[in-house]
Amino acid sequence: MLPPLRVLETCVYAEDLDAAYDFYHGVLGLKLHSRVKGRHVFLHCGAGMVLIFNPSETERSHPEEIPAHGSRGAEHICWAVEREDLPKWRTKLKAAGVEIEHEQTWENGASSIYFRDPAGNSLELATPKLWENDSDG
């Protein structure tokens, strides 16, 4: 059997979906796919999706729907950005009042910027070669 091709979607959880939408769409520029008030916001990110769920709604089981799921506490998403765009992102985040928590230069020369969304989820912008020297194990 072949391994999965790529990550199709990833999700984070936020009680305040309006603040999450304002951040992910307004600050990060992700495009809206769909929204159900009080339950979720789905956004396009390249060929994949970022799903933002209200855990108070999705952790309840509904027999006619997908299995219950939800999380409390900080999740993590890392997006690839071109090296020449990293300083632009730093400037954009600061202009939007987003605090940069940490900047990292990795052993292989890749760079990352860490920050948080309004729900406290840990977000990262990293140069695409972050995992370039990863082995097949």
N, C-alpha and C. Protein backbone atom coordinates (compact mmCIF):
# COMPACT_ATOMS: atom_id res chain seq x y z
N MET A 1 0.84 -1.18 0.00
CA MET A 1 0.00 0.00 0.00
C MET A 1 0.89 1.25 0.00
N LEU A 2 0.50 2.25 -0.76
CA LEU A 2 1.27 3.48 -0.85
C LEU A 2 0.97 4.40 0.34
N PRO A 3 1.94 5.22 0.73
CA PRO A 3 1.67 6.17 1.81
C PRO A 3 0.76 7.29 1.31
N PRO A 4 0.14 8.04 2.22
CA PRO A 4 -0.67 9.18 1.81
C PRO A 4 0.15 10.15 0.95
N LEU A 5 -0.50 10.85 0.05
CA LEU A 5 0.17 11.76 -0.88
C LEU A 5 0.59 13.08 -0.24
N ARG A 6 -0.29 13.66 0.59
CA ARG A 6 -0.03 14.97 1.19
C ARG A 6 -1.08 15.21 2.26
N VAL A 7 -0.89 16.25 3.02
CA VAL A 7 -1.91 16.65 3.98
C VAL A 7 -2.97 17.41 3.20
N LEU A 8 -4.20 16.95 3.25
CA LEU A 8 -5.31 17.57 2.53
C LEU A 8 -5.94 18.70 3.33
N GLU A 9 -6.04 18.48 4.64
CA GLU A 9 -6.60 19.50 5.52
C GLU A 9 -5.98 19.38 6.89
N THR A 10 -5.99 20.47 7.59
CA THR A 10 -5.58 20.48 8.98
C THR A 10 -6.56 21.37 9.71
N CYS A 11 -6.67 21.21 11.01
CA CYS A 11 -7.65 22.03 11.71
C CYS A 11 -7.10 22.52 13.04
N VAL A 12 -7.69 23.61 13.46
CA VAL A 12 -7.48 24.17 14.78
C VAL A 12 -8.86 24.43 15.36
N TYR A 13 -8.90 24.72 16.64
CA TYR A 13 -10.16 24.94 17.32
C TYR A 13 -10.16 26.32 17.95
N ALA A 14 -11.32 26.98 17.85
CA ALA A 14 -11.47 28.33 18.39
C ALA A 14 -12.92 28.54 18.78
N GLU A 15 -13.14 29.05 19.97
CA GLU A 15 -14.50 29.36 20.41
C GLU A 15 -15.05 30.57 19.65
N ASP A 16 -14.20 31.57 19.40
CA ASP A 16 -14.63 32.80 18.73
C ASP A 16 -14.30 32.69 17.24
N LEU A 17 -15.26 32.20 16.47
CA LEU A 17 -15.03 31.97 15.05
C LEU A 17 -14.93 33.28 14.26
N ASP A 18 -15.59 34.33 14.74
CA ASP A 18 -15.48 35.62 14.06
C ASP A 18 -14.05 36.15 14.16
N ALA A 19 -13.46 36.08 15.35
CA ALA A 19 -12.07 36.52 15.52
C ALA A 19 -11.13 35.64 14.71
N ALA A 20 -11.41 34.33 14.68
CA ALA A 20 -10.57 33.41 13.89
C ALA A 20 -10.65 33.76 12.41
N TYR A 21 -11.86 33.99 11.91
CA TYR A 21 -12.01 34.35 10.50
C TYR A 21 -11.29 35.66 10.20
N ASP A 22 -11.47 36.67 11.04
CA ASP A 22 -10.80 37.96 10.83
C ASP A 22 -9.29 37.77 10.74
N PHE A 23 -8.74 36.89 11.58
CA PHE A 23 -7.30 36.67 11.60
C PHE A 23 -6.83 35.88 10.37
N TYR A 24 -7.42 34.71 10.15
CA TYR A 24 -6.95 33.84 9.08
C TYR A 24 -7.22 34.42 7.69
N HIS A 25 -8.34 35.11 7.54
CA HIS A 25 -8.67 35.73 6.26
C HIS A 25 -8.03 37.11 6.15
N GLY A 26 -8.25 37.95 7.17
CA GLY A 26 -7.78 39.33 7.11
C GLY A 26 -6.29 39.50 7.23
N VAL A 27 -5.65 38.76 8.13
CA VAL A 27 -4.21 38.90 8.35
C VAL A 27 -3.42 37.95 7.45
N LEU A 28 -3.81 36.67 7.42
CA LEU A 28 -3.04 35.69 6.66
C LEU A 28 -3.47 35.59 5.20
N GLY A 29 -4.64 36.09 4.87
CA GLY A 29 -5.07 36.12 3.48
C GLY A 29 -5.68 34.83 2.95
N LEU A 30 -6.07 33.90 3.82
CA LEU A 30 -6.69 32.67 3.35
C LEU A 30 -8.10 32.97 2.85
N LYS A 31 -8.53 32.26 1.81
CA LYS A 31 -9.83 32.54 1.18
C LYS A 31 -10.91 31.64 1.74
N LEU A 32 -12.07 32.24 2.00
CA LEU A 32 -13.20 31.52 2.57
C LEU A 32 -13.72 30.46 1.62
N HIS A 33 -13.93 29.26 2.15
CA HIS A 33 -14.60 28.19 1.41
C HIS A 33 -16.04 28.10 1.88
N SER A 34 -16.24 27.97 3.20
CA SER A 34 -17.59 27.90 3.74
C SER A 34 -17.56 28.25 5.22
N ARG A 35 -18.74 28.55 5.71
CA ARG A 35 -18.85 28.97 7.11
C ARG A 35 -20.24 28.58 7.62
N VAL A 36 -20.28 27.96 8.80
CA VAL A 36 -21.54 27.69 9.48
C VAL A 36 -21.45 28.41 10.82
N LYS A 37 -22.29 29.41 10.99
CA LYS A 37 -22.23 30.27 12.18
C LYS A 37 -22.23 29.43 13.46
N GLY A 38 -21.25 29.72 14.31
CA GLY A 38 -21.14 29.04 15.59
C GLY A 38 -20.50 27.67 15.55
N ARG A 39 -20.30 27.09 14.35
CA ARG A 39 -19.75 25.73 14.25
C ARG A 39 -18.37 25.67 13.61
N HIS A 40 -18.21 26.28 12.42
CA HIS A 40 -16.91 26.19 11.75
C HIS A 40 -16.73 27.27 10.70
N VAL A 41 -15.45 27.45 10.34
CA VAL A 41 -15.02 28.27 9.21
C VAL A 41 -14.00 27.43 8.46
N PHE A 42 -14.20 27.24 7.15
CA PHE A 42 -13.27 26.48 6.32
C PHE A 42 -12.62 27.45 5.33
N LEU A 43 -11.29 27.39 5.24
CA LEU A 43 -10.54 28.31 4.39
C LEU A 43 -9.58 27.56 3.47
N HIS A 44 -9.44 28.07 2.25
CA HIS A 44 -8.48 27.52 1.30
C HIS A 44 -7.07 27.99 1.65
N CYS A 45 -6.11 27.08 1.51
CA CYS A 45 -4.69 27.41 1.65
C CYS A 45 -3.94 26.61 0.59
N GLY A 46 -3.67 27.26 -0.54
CA GLY A 46 -3.05 26.53 -1.64
C GLY A 46 -3.96 25.39 -2.06
N ALA A 47 -3.40 24.19 -2.20
CA ALA A 47 -4.19 23.02 -2.59
C ALA A 47 -4.86 22.35 -1.39
N GLY A 48 -4.62 22.85 -0.18
CA GLY A 48 -5.18 22.26 1.02
C GLY A 48 -6.18 23.17 1.69
N MET A 49 -6.64 22.76 2.84
CA MET A 49 -7.65 23.49 3.58
C MET A 49 -7.23 23.64 5.04
N VAL A 50 -7.61 24.77 5.63
CA VAL A 50 -7.50 24.99 7.06
C VAL A 50 -8.92 25.04 7.59
N LEU A 51 -9.23 24.13 8.50
CA LEU A 51 -10.56 24.04 9.09
C LEU A 51 -10.48 24.58 10.50
N ILE A 52 -11.37 25.49 10.83
CA ILE A 52 -11.42 26.05 12.19
C ILE A 52 -12.78 25.68 12.76
N PHE A 53 -12.75 24.89 13.81
CA PHE A 53 -13.98 24.41 14.44
C PHE A 53 -14.15 25.03 15.82
N ASN A 54 -15.39 25.22 16.20
CA ASN A 54 -15.73 25.57 17.58
C ASN A 54 -15.84 24.24 18.32
N PRO A 55 -14.94 23.96 19.26
CA PRO A 55 -14.95 22.64 19.91
C PRO A 55 -16.22 22.38 20.71
N SER A 56 -16.89 23.42 21.19
CA SER A 56 -18.13 23.22 21.93
C SER A 56 -19.20 22.58 21.05
N GLU A 57 -19.12 22.80 19.76
CA GLU A 57 -20.07 22.22 18.82
C GLU A 57 -19.61 20.87 18.28
N THR A 58 -18.35 20.76 17.93
CA THR A 58 -17.89 19.53 17.25
C THR A 58 -17.55 18.39 18.19
N GLU A 59 -17.37 18.67 19.49
CA GLU A 59 -17.07 17.55 20.39
C GLU A 59 -18.34 16.82 20.82
N ARG A 60 -19.50 17.39 20.49
CA ARG A 60 -20.77 16.68 20.76
C ARG A 60 -21.03 15.70 19.63
N SER A 61 -21.51 14.54 19.97
CA SER A 61 -21.77 13.50 18.98
C SER A 61 -23.13 13.73 18.33
N HIS A 62 -23.16 13.68 17.01
CA HIS A 62 -24.38 13.76 16.23
C HIS A 62 -24.38 12.54 15.31
N PRO A 63 -25.28 11.58 15.54
CA PRO A 63 -25.25 10.33 14.78
C PRO A 63 -25.25 10.50 13.27
N GLU A 64 -25.89 11.55 12.75
CA GLU A 64 -25.98 11.72 11.30
C GLU A 64 -24.77 12.42 10.71
N GLU A 65 -23.82 12.83 11.56
CA GLU A 65 -22.66 13.58 11.08
C GLU A 65 -21.37 12.79 11.26
N ILE A 66 -20.27 13.42 10.90
CA ILE A 66 -18.97 12.80 11.11
C ILE A 66 -18.75 12.58 12.61
N PRO A 67 -17.84 11.72 12.99
CA PRO A 67 -17.61 11.45 14.41
C PRO A 67 -17.26 12.72 15.19
N ALA A 68 -17.66 12.75 16.44
CA ALA A 68 -17.36 13.88 17.31
C ALA A 68 -15.85 14.06 17.43
N HIS A 69 -15.41 15.29 17.46
CA HIS A 69 -14.00 15.58 17.65
C HIS A 69 -13.88 16.99 18.22
N GLY A 70 -12.75 17.28 18.77
CA GLY A 70 -12.54 18.60 19.33
C GLY A 70 -11.28 18.59 20.15
N SER A 71 -10.79 19.76 20.41
CA SER A 71 -9.56 19.88 21.16
C SER A 71 -9.62 21.14 22.00
N ARG A 72 -8.98 21.10 23.10
CA ARG A 72 -8.85 22.28 23.96
C ARG A 72 -7.36 22.54 24.11
N GLY A 73 -6.98 23.78 24.07
CA GLY A 73 -5.56 24.12 24.18
C GLY A 73 -4.98 24.38 22.81
N ALA A 74 -3.73 24.78 22.81
CA ALA A 74 -3.08 25.23 21.57
C ALA A 74 -2.77 24.07 20.63
N GLU A 75 -3.11 24.27 19.38
CA GLU A 75 -2.74 23.38 18.28
C GLU A 75 -1.60 24.06 17.52
N HIS A 76 -1.15 23.45 16.42
CA HIS A 76 -0.04 24.02 15.66
C HIS A 76 -0.26 23.82 14.17
N ILE A 77 0.02 24.88 13.41
CA ILE A 77 0.05 24.80 11.94
C ILE A 77 1.33 25.50 11.49
N CYS A 78 2.00 24.91 10.50
CA CYS A 78 3.17 25.53 9.89
C CYS A 78 2.91 25.66 8.40
N TRP A 79 3.09 26.88 7.88
CA TRP A 79 2.93 27.14 6.45
C TRP A 79 4.28 27.41 5.82
N ALA A 80 4.45 26.96 4.58
CA ALA A 80 5.67 27.25 3.82
C ALA A 80 5.52 28.62 3.16
N VAL A 81 6.56 29.44 3.29
CA VAL A 81 6.63 30.73 2.60
C VAL A 81 8.02 30.84 1.98
N GLU A 82 8.10 31.52 0.87
CA GLU A 82 9.39 31.70 0.22
C GLU A 82 10.33 32.51 1.11
N ARG A 83 11.60 32.18 1.08
CA ARG A 83 12.59 32.86 1.92
C ARG A 83 12.53 34.38 1.76
N GLU A 84 12.39 34.85 0.51
CA GLU A 84 12.36 36.30 0.29
C GLU A 84 11.09 36.95 0.83
N ASP A 85 10.06 36.16 1.12
CA ASP A 85 8.81 36.70 1.66
C ASP A 85 8.79 36.73 3.19
N LEU A 86 9.70 36.03 3.84
CA LEU A 86 9.70 35.97 5.30
C LEU A 86 9.80 37.36 5.93
N PRO A 87 10.70 38.26 5.49
CA PRO A 87 10.73 39.61 6.08
C PRO A 87 9.42 40.38 5.84
N LYS A 88 8.78 40.15 4.70
CA LYS A 88 7.49 40.81 4.41
C LYS A 88 6.42 40.32 5.37
N TRP A 89 6.43 39.02 5.66
CA TRP A 89 5.48 38.47 6.61
C TRP A 89 5.73 39.04 8.01
N ARG A 90 6.99 39.15 8.40
CA ARG A 90 7.33 39.72 9.70
C ARG A 90 6.72 41.12 9.82
N THR A 91 6.92 41.93 8.79
CA THR A 91 6.39 43.29 8.77
C THR A 91 4.87 43.30 8.80
N LYS A 92 4.25 42.43 8.00
CA LYS A 92 2.78 42.36 7.94
C LYS A 92 2.19 41.96 9.29
N LEU A 93 2.77 40.96 9.92
CA LEU A 93 2.28 40.50 11.21
C LEU A 93 2.39 41.60 12.27
N LYS A 94 3.56 42.25 12.32
CA LYS A 94 3.75 43.33 13.29
C LYS A 94 2.77 44.47 13.04
N ALA A 95 2.54 44.82 11.77
CA ALA A 95 1.60 45.90 11.43
C ALA A 95 0.17 45.54 11.85
N ALA A 96 -0.16 44.25 11.86
CA ALA A 96 -1.48 43.80 12.28
C ALA A 96 -1.57 43.62 13.80
N GLY A 97 -0.49 43.94 14.51
CA GLY A 97 -0.49 43.82 15.96
C GLY A 97 -0.27 42.41 16.46
N VAL A 98 0.26 41.54 15.60
CA VAL A 98 0.53 40.15 15.97
C VAL A 98 1.94 40.07 16.53
N GLU A 99 2.06 39.58 17.74
CA GLU A 99 3.37 39.45 18.38
C GLU A 99 4.11 38.23 17.83
N ILE A 100 5.33 38.42 17.42
CA ILE A 100 6.16 37.30 17.00
C ILE A 100 6.80 36.72 18.26
N GLU A 101 6.47 35.47 18.54
CA GLU A 101 6.94 34.80 19.75
C GLU A 101 8.39 34.37 19.67
N HIS A 102 8.77 33.90 18.48
CA HIS A 102 10.11 33.32 18.36
C HIS A 102 10.49 33.28 16.89
N GLU A 103 11.79 33.45 16.62
CA GLU A 103 12.33 33.24 15.28
C GLU A 103 13.44 32.22 15.41
N GLN A 104 13.48 31.31 14.45
CA GLN A 104 14.42 30.20 14.52
C GLN A 104 15.13 30.02 13.19
N THR A 105 16.44 29.86 13.24
CA THR A 105 17.20 29.42 12.08
C THR A 105 17.62 27.99 12.39
N TRP A 106 17.25 27.07 11.51
CA TRP A 106 17.48 25.65 11.73
C TRP A 106 18.85 25.23 11.21
N GLU A 107 19.30 24.06 11.63
CA GLU A 107 20.62 23.54 11.23
C GLU A 107 20.81 23.48 9.73
N ASN A 108 19.73 23.22 8.99
CA ASN A 108 19.85 23.10 7.53
C ASN A 108 19.70 24.46 6.83
N GLY A 109 19.62 25.55 7.60
CA GLY A 109 19.51 26.89 7.02
C GLY A 109 18.09 27.39 6.86
N ALA A 110 17.09 26.56 7.07
CA ALA A 110 15.69 26.99 7.00
C ALA A 110 15.42 27.96 8.15
N SER A 111 14.42 28.80 7.98
CA SER A 111 14.04 29.79 8.99
C SER A 111 12.56 29.70 9.29
N SER A 112 12.19 30.00 10.54
CA SER A 112 10.80 29.97 10.97
C SER A 112 10.48 31.20 11.81
N ILE A 113 9.23 31.63 11.71
CA ILE A 113 8.67 32.67 12.58
C ILE A 113 7.46 32.05 13.27
N TYR A 114 7.40 32.18 14.59
CA TYR A 114 6.29 31.64 15.38
C TYR A 114 5.45 32.78 15.94
N PHE A 115 4.13 32.58 15.92
CA PHE A 115 3.19 33.57 16.47
C PHE A 115 1.90 32.83 16.83
N ARG A 116 0.92 33.53 17.37
CA ARG A 116 -0.33 32.91 17.83
C ARG A 116 -1.53 33.55 17.16
N ASP A 117 -2.58 32.75 16.98
CA ASP A 117 -3.85 33.30 16.51
C ASP A 117 -4.65 33.79 17.72
N PRO A 118 -5.81 34.41 17.53
CA PRO A 118 -6.57 34.92 18.67
C PRO A 118 -7.01 33.85 19.67
N ALA A 119 -7.10 32.59 19.25
CA ALA A 119 -7.48 31.51 20.16
C ALA A 119 -6.28 30.91 20.89
N GLY A 120 -5.07 31.38 20.59
CA GLY A 120 -3.87 30.88 21.26
C GLY A 120 -3.18 29.74 20.52
N ASN A 121 -3.65 29.38 19.33
CA ASN A 121 -2.99 28.33 18.55
C ASN A 121 -1.63 28.81 18.08
N SER A 122 -0.66 27.91 18.09
CA SER A 122 0.71 28.22 17.68
C SER A 122 0.82 28.09 16.17
N LEU A 123 1.22 29.19 15.52
CA LEU A 123 1.35 29.21 14.07
C LEU A 123 2.79 29.49 13.70
N GLU A 124 3.19 28.97 12.55
CA GLU A 124 4.57 29.09 12.11
C GLU A 124 4.60 29.35 10.61
N LEU A 125 5.44 30.25 10.20
CA LEU A 125 5.76 30.45 8.80
C LEU A 125 7.21 30.01 8.65
N ALA A 126 7.45 29.09 7.70
CA ALA A 126 8.80 28.54 7.56
C ALA A 126 9.20 28.49 6.09
N THR A 127 10.48 28.61 5.85
CA THR A 127 10.98 28.47 4.49
C THR A 127 10.79 27.02 4.05
N PRO A 128 10.51 26.80 2.76
CA PRO A 128 10.11 25.47 2.28
C PRO A 128 11.09 24.34 2.53
N LYS A 129 12.36 24.63 2.74
CA LYS A 129 13.34 23.56 2.90
C LYS A 129 13.48 23.09 4.36
N LEU A 130 12.53 23.46 5.20
CA LEU A 130 12.58 23.08 6.61
C LEU A 130 12.84 21.59 6.79
N TRP A 131 12.18 20.75 6.01
CA TRP A 131 12.31 19.30 6.16
C TRP A 131 13.16 18.68 5.06
N GLU A 132 13.92 19.48 4.34
CA GLU A 132 14.70 19.00 3.21
C GLU A 132 15.66 17.88 3.55
N ASN A 133 16.30 17.92 4.71
CA ASN A 133 17.29 16.89 5.08
C ASN A 133 16.70 15.74 5.86
N ASP A 134 15.37 15.66 5.86
CA ASP A 134 14.70 14.57 6.55
C ASP A 134 15.04 13.25 5.86
N SER A 135 15.27 12.20 6.63
CA SER A 135 15.63 10.91 6.04
C SER A 135 14.39 10.04 5.90
N ASP A 136 14.51 8.96 5.15
CA ASP A 136 13.40 8.01 4.99
C ASP A 136 13.30 7.06 6.18
N GLY A 137 14.16 7.22 7.13
CA GLY A 137 14.03 6.53 8.37
C GLY A 137 14.66 5.21 8.50
